[in-house]
């Protein structure tokens, strides 16, 4: 009961911290990490352990699926070169550099590689929480969001191999054929399971059943791949990318709205639990370490933090400069956003988050050097979120990057086209209702032609919202007076809610995370 009460209190505090983070335009994971660190040093703080196998399935599987819905194949193709540079070369360089530091500071080689893989992948959620409010160059935002899914997969594959090797159940000389077979089988399994799942989507008529099915299948895919001896990470990425392309259009509007809201909330709760669990493990680790071991662990954590930040920044700036030199030599025109300022922004957006925390928590209890590795991972997460996350907004202001409104331009063109399609569907109609509909769509089309605010409220929407407010007041009075019962009240309330969502301008109902 005490643990349940503590969880409720922590979730309440997390909501307050998330609101504060939005207010100061900072990534909310930075505040969660600080709260986790503070919790670790509270007297009588409970010790909460989590099964290593559960940690990866619980935290990583839903995050990979969520990231897949934010990853565009078109963006992957357009920015293939910089993405390969980040998700492969930057991750490998960071893993190798941190592993070398760990090895020199006394960790076994396989454990050092595991530490490198744990701290290698940046978390796009932290960067997006700030950048979405600042309108950075579209190229930078697209690369950072697309990077998240793929660098997680790269780092976690290295992580699983190094953990297996450290526990003595993997012979590196024989690993390559096994890995190739596992990778091919994982790709096939992910694709097949995604196509099977999509056949069930139209059958789910109510939002609750559909959302539960999404969670069950997400965790089920991970567990099945793991039980079959395949790569759960590769299977999950392929599965997620496949359904992300077609599942949204198969869902009904009601189920789609519900699904997005629930998943956004779930990722938020997982972030809260992961940071709190990491914080609760920090104090017992420090207590178990002796004086010399504690000093070595703190040195390792500081070195890993510095290495992770420097390697990413150096690689992004160096590769960006080399690319621009080559483009000038071959006479290629300069690309918008592909300059030193854009590279500096991408390089500095290297905050670590949920994946790093989950991978550290998933280390087996008997893993060599587990305590200093977990402590180092937490310090890297905390350090990058505080140092980089809280300085990201000032950096944007210092770089004087122009606001990118290209998305608004696309929204304007698209909205004009769909309003015109609606008007064309009414050409043969001459009724009074058709006239009212024409007036509505015509006004919406006029608003959409303004690329600065293509989804602004029309005069008709303003009148609807005023009428809806009056309707809501009247409905509440009817129930208070006993004129209608609760069942009728809730049905009418839902009707008014959907009408308000339809009439309200974009931005009135803000997402949780931004």
Foldseek 3Di string as FASTA:
>chain_A
DVVVVVLVVLVVVLLVLLVVCLVLLFFSLLVLLVVLQVLLPDPPRDADADALVCLCLQQPLLVLLVLLLVADPVLCVVPVVVLCLQQPVQLVVQLVVQLVLVVVLPFPNLVSSLLSLLQRAFALLRVCLRCVVVQFPPNLNNSSSNNRNRSLLVSVVSNVVSLCVLVPNDDVVPVVVVQVVLLVVLLVLLQVLLVVVLVCQLVDPDQVVNLVVVSCSSSVQLVVSVVVVHHSSSSSNNNSNNCSVPVLVSHDPVNNVSNVQVSLVSNSSLQNVLSNNLSNLLNVLCVPADPVRNVSLVVSLVVSLVSSLVSLLVSLQVVLVVVVVVCVVVVHDDDPLSDNLSSNLSSLSRAHGSSSSSSLSSRDPPRGPSSSSSNSSSSNNNVSSVVSRSCSVVSCVVSVGDRDLVVLVVQLVVLLVVLVVVLVVLPVPDDPVSVVSNVVSVQLNVCSNPSVFSQDAGPVLVVQVVVLVVVLVVLVVCVVVVVDDPVVSVVVVVVSVVSNVVSDTPPPDDRSRD
